[in-house]
Amino acid sequence: MKITPAILQHELIGLKARVVQSSNPSCLGICGTVIDETQKTFKILHKEEEKVIVKQASVLHFTLVDGSLVEIDGKVLVGRPEDRAKKVTRRLW
């Protein structure tokens, strides 16, 4: 899949996510469905438990609706979800 800045504006609640890098070792490997998103965190339903993941400290793999796998650094996702959807992002690559 071609990665574009539009992916950063995508709605992430309801997608499958996996934490692949984190400064917090206890967060590594957490995977499940994103059930909530705040300015600085994600809530992921992992094995019937809600886990809170800090965006700033994590790199996540998201599985999009079409089955594509996308890796996104949490640093670019920091901010309110409704503001991120409106923001125009310049292409960095």
PDB file of N, CA and C in Angstrom:
ATOM      1  N   MET A   1       0.829  -1.183   0.000  1.00  0.00           N
ATOM      2  CA  MET A   1       0.000   0.000   0.000  1.00  0.00           C
ATOM      3  C   MET A   1       0.865   1.234   0.000  1.00  0.00           C
ATOM      4  N   LYS A   2       0.456   2.198  -0.775  1.00  0.00           N
ATOM      5  CA  LYS A   2       1.176   3.454  -0.814  1.00  0.00           C
ATOM      6  C   LYS A   2       0.753   4.292   0.383  1.00  0.00           C
ATOM      7  N   ILE A   3       1.701   4.687   1.195  1.00  0.00           N
ATOM      8  CA  ILE A   3       1.391   5.449   2.395  1.00  0.00           C
ATOM      9  C   ILE A   3       1.331   6.927   2.029  1.00  0.00           C
ATOM     10  N   THR A   4       0.231   7.566   2.384  1.00  0.00           N
ATOM     11  CA  THR A   4       0.034   8.983   2.098  1.00  0.00           C
ATOM     12  C   THR A   4      -0.336   9.709   3.386  1.00  0.00           C
ATOM     13  N   PRO A   5      -0.210  11.026   3.387  1.00  0.00           N
ATOM     14  CA  PRO A   5      -0.605  11.777   4.585  1.00  0.00           C
ATOM     15  C   PRO A   5      -2.081  11.606   4.943  1.00  0.00           C
ATOM     16  N   ALA A   6      -2.923  11.195   4.001  1.00  0.00           N
ATOM     17  CA  ALA A   6      -4.352  11.009   4.278  1.00  0.00           C
ATOM     18  C   ALA A   6      -4.582   9.921   5.322  1.00  0.00           C
ATOM     19  N   ILE A   7      -3.652   8.991   5.464  1.00  0.00           N
ATOM     20  CA  ILE A   7      -3.788   7.930   6.462  1.00  0.00           C
ATOM     21  C   ILE A   7      -3.787   8.520   7.865  1.00  0.00           C
ATOM     22  N   LEU A   8      -3.069   9.607   8.060  1.00  0.00           N
ATOM     23  CA  LEU A   8      -3.022  10.243   9.375  1.00  0.00           C
ATOM     24  C   LEU A   8      -4.361  10.868   9.732  1.00  0.00           C
ATOM     25  N   GLN A   9      -5.201  11.149   8.741  1.00  0.00           N
ATOM     26  CA  GLN A   9      -6.521  11.735   8.985  1.00  0.00           C
ATOM     27  C   GLN A   9      -7.593  10.653   9.112  1.00  0.00           C
ATOM     28  N   HIS A  10      -7.219   9.417   8.946  1.00  0.00           N
ATOM     29  CA  HIS A  10      -8.152   8.296   8.977  1.00  0.00           C
ATOM     30  C   HIS A  10      -8.705   8.094  10.389  1.00  0.00           C
ATOM     31  N   GLU A  11      -9.946   7.636  10.499  1.00  0.00           N
ATOM     32  CA  GLU A  11     -10.540   7.301  11.802  1.00  0.00           C
ATOM     33  C   GLU A  11      -9.901   6.001  12.295  1.00  0.00           C
ATOM     34  N   LEU A  12      -9.317   6.014  13.470  1.00  0.00           N
ATOM     35  CA  LEU A  12      -8.574   4.862  13.974  1.00  0.00           C
ATOM     36  C   LEU A  12      -9.385   3.997  14.941  1.00  0.00           C
ATOM     37  N   ILE A  13     -10.459   4.534  15.499  1.00  0.00           N
ATOM     38  CA  ILE A  13     -11.291   3.752  16.406  1.00  0.00           C
ATOM     39  C   ILE A  13     -11.969   2.640  15.613  1.00  0.00           C
ATOM     40  N   GLY A  14     -11.850   1.423  16.117  1.00  0.00           N
ATOM     41  CA  GLY A  14     -12.416   0.261  15.449  1.00  0.00           C
ATOM     42  C   GLY A  14     -11.411  -0.536  14.644  1.00  0.00           C
ATOM     43  N   LEU A  15     -10.216   0.014  14.420  1.00  0.00           N
ATOM     44  CA  LEU A  15      -9.189  -0.710  13.679  1.00  0.00           C
ATOM     45  C   LEU A  15      -8.399  -1.627  14.603  1.00  0.00           C
ATOM     46  N   LYS A  16      -7.814  -2.666  14.034  1.00  0.00           N
ATOM     47  CA  LYS A  16      -6.907  -3.542  14.774  1.00  0.00           C
ATOM     48  C   LYS A  16      -5.562  -2.835  14.877  1.00  0.00           C
ATOM     49  N   ALA A  17      -4.943  -2.896  16.043  1.00  0.00           N
ATOM     50  CA  ALA A  17      -3.660  -2.240  16.272  1.00  0.00           C
ATOM     51  C   ALA A  17      -2.736  -3.155  17.054  1.00  0.00           C
ATOM     52  N   ARG A  18      -1.440  -2.996  16.810  1.00  0.00           N
ATOM     53  CA  ARG A  18      -0.405  -3.747  17.543  1.00  0.00           C
ATOM     54  C   ARG A  18       0.723  -2.775  17.853  1.00  0.00           C
ATOM     55  N   VAL A  19       1.185  -2.787  19.107  1.00  0.00           N
ATOM     56  CA  VAL A  19       2.306  -1.951  19.522  1.00  0.00           C
ATOM     57  C   VAL A  19       3.588  -2.700  19.175  1.00  0.00           C
ATOM     58  N   VAL A  20       4.413  -2.114  18.292  1.00  0.00           N
ATOM     59  CA  VAL A  20       5.642  -2.778  17.870  1.00  0.00           C
ATOM     60  C   VAL A  20       6.892  -2.167  18.495  1.00  0.00           C
ATOM     61  N   GLN A  21       6.792  -0.914  18.940  1.00  0.00           N
ATOM     62  CA  GLN A  21       7.893  -0.270  19.656  1.00  0.00           C
ATOM     63  C   GLN A  21       7.295   0.625  20.721  1.00  0.00           C
ATOM     64  N   SER A  22       7.941   0.659  21.865  1.00  0.00           N
ATOM     65  CA  SER A  22       7.476   1.535  22.934  1.00  0.00           C
ATOM     66  C   SER A  22       8.607   1.750  23.925  1.00  0.00           C
ATOM     67  N   SER A  23       8.639   2.941  24.509  1.00  0.00           N
ATOM     68  CA  SER A  23       9.630   3.178  25.556  1.00  0.00           C
ATOM     69  C   SER A  23       9.219   2.475  26.850  1.00  0.00           C
ATOM     70  N   ASN A  24       7.954   2.047  26.917  1.00  0.00           N
ATOM     71  CA  ASN A  24       7.457   1.282  28.062  1.00  0.00           C
ATOM     72  C   ASN A  24       7.448  -0.200  27.674  1.00  0.00           C
ATOM     73  N   PRO A  25       8.357  -1.015  28.213  1.00  0.00           N
ATOM     74  CA  PRO A  25       8.453  -2.422  27.796  1.00  0.00           C
ATOM     75  C   PRO A  25       7.181  -3.235  28.059  1.00  0.00           C
ATOM     76  N   SER A  26       6.361  -2.826  29.002  1.00  0.00           N
ATOM     77  CA  SER A  26       5.140  -3.591  29.271  1.00  0.00           C
ATOM     78  C   SER A  26       4.079  -3.395  28.192  1.00  0.00           C
ATOM     79  N   CYS A  27       4.252  -2.398  27.342  1.00  0.00           N
ATOM     80  CA  CYS A  27       3.289  -2.143  26.255  1.00  0.00           C
ATOM     81  C   CYS A  27       3.624  -2.910  24.981  1.00  0.00           C
ATOM     82  N   LEU A  28       4.843  -3.391  24.860  1.00  0.00           N
ATOM     83  CA  LEU A  28       5.245  -4.105  23.649  1.00  0.00           C
ATOM     84  C   LEU A  28       4.381  -5.333  23.426  1.00  0.00           C
ATOM     85  N   GLY A  29       3.921  -5.495  22.191  1.00  0.00           N
ATOM     86  CA  GLY A  29       3.154  -6.677  21.841  1.00  0.00           C
ATOM     87  C   GLY A  29       1.668  -6.585  22.116  1.00  0.00           C
ATOM     88  N   ILE A  30       1.219  -5.513  22.721  1.00  0.00           N
ATOM     89  CA  ILE A  30      -0.227  -5.361  22.950  1.00  0.00           C
ATOM     90  C   ILE A  30      -0.915  -5.237  21.602  1.00  0.00           C
ATOM     91  N   CYS A  31      -1.942  -6.034  21.411  1.00  0.00           N
ATOM     92  CA  CYS A  31      -2.684  -5.960  20.157  1.00  0.00           C
ATOM     93  C   CYS A  31      -4.164  -6.136  20.432  1.00  0.00           C
ATOM     94  N   GLY A  32      -4.966  -5.552  19.578  1.00  0.00           N
ATOM     95  CA  GLY A  32      -6.407  -5.635  19.736  1.00  0.00           C
ATOM     96  C   GLY A  32      -7.083  -4.522  18.977  1.00  0.00           C
ATOM     97  N   THR A  33      -8.316  -4.247  19.340  1.00  0.00           N
ATOM     98  CA  THR A  33      -9.113  -3.239  18.666  1.00  0.00           C
ATOM     99  C   THR A  33      -9.034  -1.914  19.414  1.00  0.00           C
ATOM    100  N   VAL A  34      -8.837  -0.836  18.675  1.00  0.00           N
ATOM    101  CA  VAL A  34      -8.823   0.497  19.273  1.00  0.00           C
ATOM    102  C   VAL A  34     -10.258   0.842  19.649  1.00  0.00           C
ATOM    103  N   ILE A  35     -10.493   1.093  20.942  1.00  0.00           N
ATOM    104  CA  ILE A  35     -11.856   1.387  21.391  1.00  0.00           C
ATOM    105  C   ILE A  35     -12.046   2.853  21.763  1.00  0.00           C
ATOM    106  N   ASP A  36     -10.955   3.589  21.976  1.00  0.00           N
ATOM    107  CA  ASP A  36     -11.067   5.015  22.283  1.00  0.00           C
ATOM    108  C   ASP A  36      -9.746   5.689  21.975  1.00  0.00           C
ATOM    109  N   GLU A  37      -9.826   6.983  21.679  1.00  0.00           N
ATOM    110  CA  GLU A  37      -8.630   7.760  21.401  1.00  0.00           C
ATOM    111  C   GLU A  37      -8.793   9.119  22.053  1.00  0.00           C
ATOM    112  N   THR A  38      -7.765   9.544  22.782  1.00  0.00           N
ATOM    113  CA  THR A  38      -7.748  10.875  23.365  1.00  0.00           C
ATOM    114  C   THR A  38      -6.585  11.634  22.754  1.00  0.00           C
ATOM    115  N   GLN A  39      -6.308  12.814  23.278  1.00  0.00           N
ATOM    116  CA  GLN A  39      -5.246  13.640  22.735  1.00  0.00           C
ATOM    117  C   GLN A  39      -3.888  12.941  22.797  1.00  0.00           C
ATOM    118  N   LYS A  40      -3.624  12.228  23.875  1.00  0.00           N
ATOM    119  CA  LYS A  40      -2.298  11.644  24.062  1.00  0.00           C
ATOM    120  C   LYS A  40      -2.286  10.125  24.174  1.00  0.00           C
ATOM    121  N   THR A  41      -3.451   9.470  24.155  1.00  0.00           N
ATOM    122  CA  THR A  41      -3.475   8.019  24.369  1.00  0.00           C
ATOM    123  C   THR A  41      -4.455   7.301  23.443  1.00  0.00           C
ATOM    124  N   PHE A  42      -4.248   5.987  23.343  1.00  0.00           N
ATOM    125  CA  PHE A  42      -5.191   5.069  22.724  1.00  0.00           C
ATOM    126  C   PHE A  42      -5.640   4.094  23.798  1.00  0.00           C
ATOM    127  N   LYS A  43      -6.889   3.659  23.750  1.00  0.00           N
ATOM    128  CA  LYS A  43      -7.347   2.545  24.565  1.00  0.00           C
ATOM    129  C   LYS A  43      -7.549   1.386  23.611  1.00  0.00           C
ATOM    130  N   ILE A  44      -6.862   0.279  23.906  1.00  0.00           N
ATOM    131  CA  ILE A  44      -6.930  -0.920  23.066  1.00  0.00           C
ATOM    132  C   ILE A  44      -7.508  -2.054  23.898  1.00  0.00           C
ATOM    133  N   LEU A  45      -8.487  -2.745  23.332  1.00  0.00           N
ATOM    134  CA  LEU A  45      -9.076  -3.908  23.987  1.00  0.00           C
ATOM    135  C   LEU A  45      -8.183  -5.107  23.689  1.00  0.00           C
ATOM    136  N   HIS A  46      -7.430  -5.548  24.708  1.00  0.00           N
ATOM    137  CA  HIS A  46      -6.446  -6.616  24.579  1.00  0.00           C
ATOM    138  C   HIS A  46      -6.822  -7.739  25.543  1.00  0.00           C
ATOM    139  N   LYS A  47      -7.229  -8.878  25.000  1.00  0.00           N
ATOM    140  CA  LYS A  47      -7.619 -10.036  25.816  1.00  0.00           C
ATOM    141  C   LYS A  47      -8.647  -9.653  26.877  1.00  0.00           C
ATOM    142  N   GLU A  48      -9.717  -9.018  26.438  1.00  0.00           N
ATOM    143  CA  GLU A  48     -10.830  -8.619  27.307  1.00  0.00           C
ATOM    144  C   GLU A  48     -10.452  -7.581  28.367  1.00  0.00           C
ATOM    145  N   GLU A  49      -9.304  -6.931  28.224  1.00  0.00           N
ATOM    146  CA  GLU A  49      -8.879  -5.868  29.133  1.00  0.00           C
ATOM    147  C   GLU A  49      -8.619  -4.607  28.334  1.00  0.00           C
ATOM    148  N   GLU A  50      -8.917  -3.459  28.923  1.00  0.00           N
ATOM    149  CA  GLU A  50      -8.592  -2.185  28.291  1.00  0.00           C
ATOM    150  C   GLU A  50      -7.164  -1.804  28.665  1.00  0.00           C
ATOM    151  N   LYS A  51      -6.342  -1.581  27.660  1.00  0.00           N
ATOM    152  CA  LYS A  51      -4.964  -1.145  27.884  1.00  0.00           C
ATOM    153  C   LYS A  51      -4.820   0.258  27.336  1.00  0.00           C
ATOM    154  N   VAL A  52      -4.137   1.123  28.071  1.00  0.00           N
ATOM    155  CA  VAL A  52      -3.911   2.501  27.647  1.00  0.00           C
ATOM    156  C   VAL A  52      -2.485   2.611  27.106  1.00  0.00           C
ATOM    157  N   ILE A  53      -2.380   3.085  25.880  1.00  0.00           N
ATOM    158  CA  ILE A  53      -1.089   3.224  25.207  1.00  0.00           C
ATOM    159  C   ILE A  53      -0.815   4.704  24.990  1.00  0.00           C
ATOM    160  N   VAL A  54       0.355   5.171  25.383  1.00  0.00           N
ATOM    161  CA  VAL A  54       0.743   6.566  25.181  1.00  0.00           C
ATOM    162  C   VAL A  54       1.223   6.712  23.737  1.00  0.00           C
ATOM    163  N   LYS A  55       0.632   7.648  23.011  1.00  0.00           N
ATOM    164  CA  LYS A  55       0.965   7.843  21.598  1.00  0.00           C
ATOM    165  C   LYS A  55       2.428   8.256  21.417  1.00  0.00           C
ATOM    166  N   GLN A  56       2.867   9.230  22.211  1.00  0.00           N
ATOM    167  CA  GLN A  56       4.203   9.814  22.068  1.00  0.00           C
ATOM    168  C   GLN A  56       5.313   8.771  22.162  1.00  0.00           C
ATOM    169  N   ALA A  57       5.096   7.719  22.930  1.00  0.00           N
ATOM    170  CA  ALA A  57       6.148   6.754  23.221  1.00  0.00           C
ATOM    171  C   ALA A  57       6.041   5.470  22.401  1.00  0.00           C
ATOM    172  N   SER A  58       5.155   5.431  21.388  1.00  0.00           N
ATOM    173  CA  SER A  58       4.881   4.158  20.719  1.00  0.00           C
ATOM    174  C   SER A  58       4.920   4.256  19.202  1.00  0.00           C
ATOM    175  N   VAL A  59       5.198   3.109  18.593  1.00  0.00           N
ATOM    176  CA  VAL A  59       5.034   2.916  17.151  1.00  0.00           C
ATOM    177  C   VAL A  59       4.037   1.775  17.007  1.00  0.00           C
ATOM    178  N   LEU A  60       3.014   1.998  16.184  1.00  0.00           N
ATOM    179  CA  LEU A  60       1.926   1.022  16.080  1.00  0.00           C
ATOM    180  C   LEU A  60       1.731   0.555  14.650  1.00  0.00           C
ATOM    181  N   HIS A  61       1.287  -0.690  14.509  1.00  0.00           N
ATOM    182  CA  HIS A  61       0.844  -1.230  13.229  1.00  0.00           C
ATOM    183  C   HIS A  61      -0.678  -1.238  13.257  1.00  0.00           C
ATOM    184  N   PHE A  62      -1.293  -0.605  12.268  1.00  0.00           N
ATOM    185  CA  PHE A  62      -2.752  -0.602  12.141  1.00  0.00           C
ATOM    186  C   PHE A  62      -3.144  -1.419  10.932  1.00  0.00           C
ATOM    187  N   THR A  63      -4.182  -2.244  11.066  1.00  0.00           N
ATOM    188  CA  THR A  63      -4.748  -2.980   9.946  1.00  0.00           C
ATOM    189  C   THR A  63      -5.981  -2.225   9.492  1.00  0.00           C
ATOM    190  N   LEU A  64      -5.921  -1.677   8.275  1.00  0.00           N
ATOM    191  CA  LEU A  64      -7.024  -0.890   7.750  1.00  0.00           C
ATOM    192  C   LEU A  64      -8.165  -1.787   7.304  1.00  0.00           C
ATOM    193  N   VAL A  65      -9.285  -1.170   6.973  1.00  0.00           N
ATOM    194  CA  VAL A  65     -10.496  -1.895   6.601  1.00  0.00           C
ATOM    195  C   VAL A  65     -10.254  -2.792   5.380  1.00  0.00           C
ATOM    196  N   ASP A  66      -9.411  -2.344   4.447  1.00  0.00           N
ATOM    197  CA  ASP A  66      -9.141  -3.145   3.243  1.00  0.00           C
ATOM    198  C   ASP A  66      -8.091  -4.232   3.473  1.00  0.00           C
ATOM    199  N   GLY A  67      -7.610  -4.380   4.705  1.00  0.00           N
ATOM    200  CA  GLY A  67      -6.643  -5.424   5.045  1.00  0.00           C
ATOM    201  C   GLY A  67      -5.198  -4.976   4.976  1.00  0.00           C
ATOM    202  N   SER A  68      -4.948  -3.734   4.574  1.00  0.00           N
ATOM    203  CA  SER A  68      -3.582  -3.216   4.483  1.00  0.00           C
ATOM    204  C   SER A  68      -3.007  -2.964   5.867  1.00  0.00           C
ATOM    205  N   LEU A  69      -1.719  -3.208   6.007  1.00  0.00           N
ATOM    206  CA  LEU A  69      -1.010  -2.981   7.264  1.00  0.00           C
ATOM    207  C   LEU A  69      -0.191  -1.703   7.138  1.00  0.00           C
ATOM    208  N   VAL A  70      -0.364  -0.795   8.098  1.00  0.00           N
ATOM    209  CA  VAL A  70       0.324   0.495   8.064  1.00  0.00           C
ATOM    210  C   VAL A  70       1.037   0.711   9.384  1.00  0.00           C
ATOM    211  N   GLU A  71       2.302   1.120   9.320  1.00  0.00           N
ATOM    212  CA  GLU A  71       3.060   1.444  10.532  1.00  0.00           C
ATOM    213  C   GLU A  71       3.061   2.949  10.705  1.00  0.00           C
ATOM    214  N   ILE A  72       2.629   3.413  11.885  1.00  0.00           N
ATOM    215  CA  ILE A  72       2.566   4.845  12.158  1.00  0.00           C
ATOM    216  C   ILE A  72       3.243   5.126  13.489  1.00  0.00           C
ATOM    217  N   ASP A  73       4.140   6.116  13.479  1.00  0.00           N
ATOM    218  CA  ASP A  73       4.770   6.561  14.718  1.00  0.00           C
ATOM    219  C   ASP A  73       3.745   7.379  15.491  1.00  0.00           C
ATOM    220  N   GLY A  74       3.568   7.070  16.750  1.00  0.00           N
ATOM    221  CA  GLY A  74       2.573   7.740  17.566  1.00  0.00           C
ATOM    222  C   GLY A  74       2.801   9.233  17.711  1.00  0.00           C
ATOM    223  N   LYS A  75       4.032   9.685  17.499  1.00  0.00           N
ATOM    224  CA  LYS A  75       4.334  11.108  17.631  1.00  0.00           C
ATOM    225  C   LYS A  75       3.541  11.950  16.638  1.00  0.00           C
ATOM    226  N   VAL A  76       3.266  11.408  15.450  1.00  0.00           N
ATOM    227  CA  VAL A  76       2.508  12.172  14.456  1.00  0.00           C
ATOM    228  C   VAL A  76       1.013  12.124  14.728  1.00  0.00           C
ATOM    229  N   LEU A  77       0.575  11.259  15.629  1.00  0.00           N
ATOM    230  CA  LEU A  77      -0.844  11.136  15.968  1.00  0.00           C
ATOM    231  C   LEU A  77      -1.237  11.927  17.210  1.00  0.00           C
ATOM    232  N   VAL A  78      -0.251  12.527  17.895  1.00  0.00           N
ATOM    233  CA  VAL A  78      -0.547  13.273  19.109  1.00  0.00           C
ATOM    234  C   VAL A  78      -1.424  14.472  18.753  1.00  0.00           C
ATOM    235  N   GLY A  79      -2.512  14.588  19.457  1.00  0.00           N
ATOM    236  CA  GLY A  79      -3.465  15.673  19.234  1.00  0.00           C
ATOM    237  C   GLY A  79      -4.872  15.118  19.274  1.00  0.00           C
ATOM    238  N   ARG A  80      -5.838  16.002  19.385  1.00  0.00           N
ATOM    239  CA  ARG A  80      -7.223  15.555  19.444  1.00  0.00           C
ATOM    240  C   ARG A  80      -7.614  14.942  18.106  1.00  0.00           C
ATOM    241  N   PRO A  81      -8.302  13.803  18.124  1.00  0.00           N
ATOM    242  CA  PRO A  81      -8.659  13.121  16.877  1.00  0.00           C
ATOM    243  C   PRO A  81      -9.473  13.995  15.921  1.00  0.00           C
ATOM    244  N   GLU A  82     -10.384  14.799  16.462  1.00  0.00           N
ATOM    245  CA  GLU A  82     -11.204  15.639  15.593  1.00  0.00           C
ATOM    246  C   GLU A  82     -10.389  16.744  14.927  1.00  0.00           C
ATOM    247  N   ASP A  83      -9.333  17.220  15.589  1.00  0.00           N
ATOM    248  CA  ASP A  83      -8.458  18.227  14.985  1.00  0.00           C
ATOM    249  C   ASP A  83      -7.526  17.592  13.960  1.00  0.00           C
ATOM    250  N   ARG A  84      -7.069  16.378  14.248  1.00  0.00           N
ATOM    251  CA  ARG A  84      -6.174  15.685  13.315  1.00  0.00           C
ATOM    252  C   ARG A  84      -6.874  15.403  11.992  1.00  0.00           C
ATOM    253  N   ALA A  85      -8.161  15.115  12.034  1.00  0.00           N
ATOM    254  CA  ALA A  85      -8.912  14.827  10.817  1.00  0.00           C
ATOM    255  C   ALA A  85      -9.041  16.062   9.932  1.00  0.00           C
ATOM    256  N   LYS A  86      -9.030  17.235  10.534  1.00  0.00           N
ATOM    257  CA  LYS A  86      -9.158  18.477   9.768  1.00  0.00           C
ATOM    258  C   LYS A  86      -7.820  18.997   9.259  1.00  0.00           C
ATOM    259  N   LYS A  87      -6.731  18.619   9.922  1.00  0.00           N
ATOM    260  CA  LYS A  87      -5.421  19.179   9.632  1.00  0.00           C
ATOM    261  C   LYS A  87      -4.896  18.706   8.286  1.00  0.00           C
ATOM    262  N   VAL A  88      -4.336  19.623   7.524  1.00  0.00           N
ATOM    263  CA  VAL A  88      -3.700  19.282   6.259  1.00  0.00           C
ATOM    264  C   VAL A  88      -2.247  18.971   6.564  1.00  0.00           C
ATOM    265  N   THR A  89      -1.794  17.783   6.183  1.00  0.00           N
ATOM    266  CA  THR A  89      -0.437  17.337   6.491  1.00  0.00           C
ATOM    267  C   THR A  89       0.410  17.388   5.227  1.00  0.00           C
ATOM    268  N   ARG A  90       1.567  17.999   5.358  1.00  0.00           N
ATOM    269  CA  ARG A  90       2.496  18.033   4.230  1.00  0.00           C
ATOM    270  C   ARG A  90       3.177  16.701   4.104  1.00  0.00           C
ATOM    271  N   ARG A  91       3.455  16.301   2.905  1.00  0.00           N
ATOM    272  CA  ARG A  91       4.141  15.038   2.664  1.00  0.00           C
ATOM    273  C   ARG A  91       5.577  15.126   3.137  1.00  0.00           C
ATOM    274  N   LEU A  92       5.987  14.184   3.971  1.00  0.00           N
ATOM    275  CA  LEU A  92       7.330  14.214   4.567  1.00  0.00           C
ATOM    276  C   LEU A  92       8.296  13.279   3.859  1.00  0.00           C
ATOM    277  N   TRP A  93       7.826  12.502   2.908  1.00  0.00           N
ATOM    278  CA  TRP A  93       8.694  11.538   2.235  1.00  0.00           C
ATOM    279  C   TRP A  93       8.530  11.620   0.743  1.00  0.00           C
TER     280      TRP A  93
END
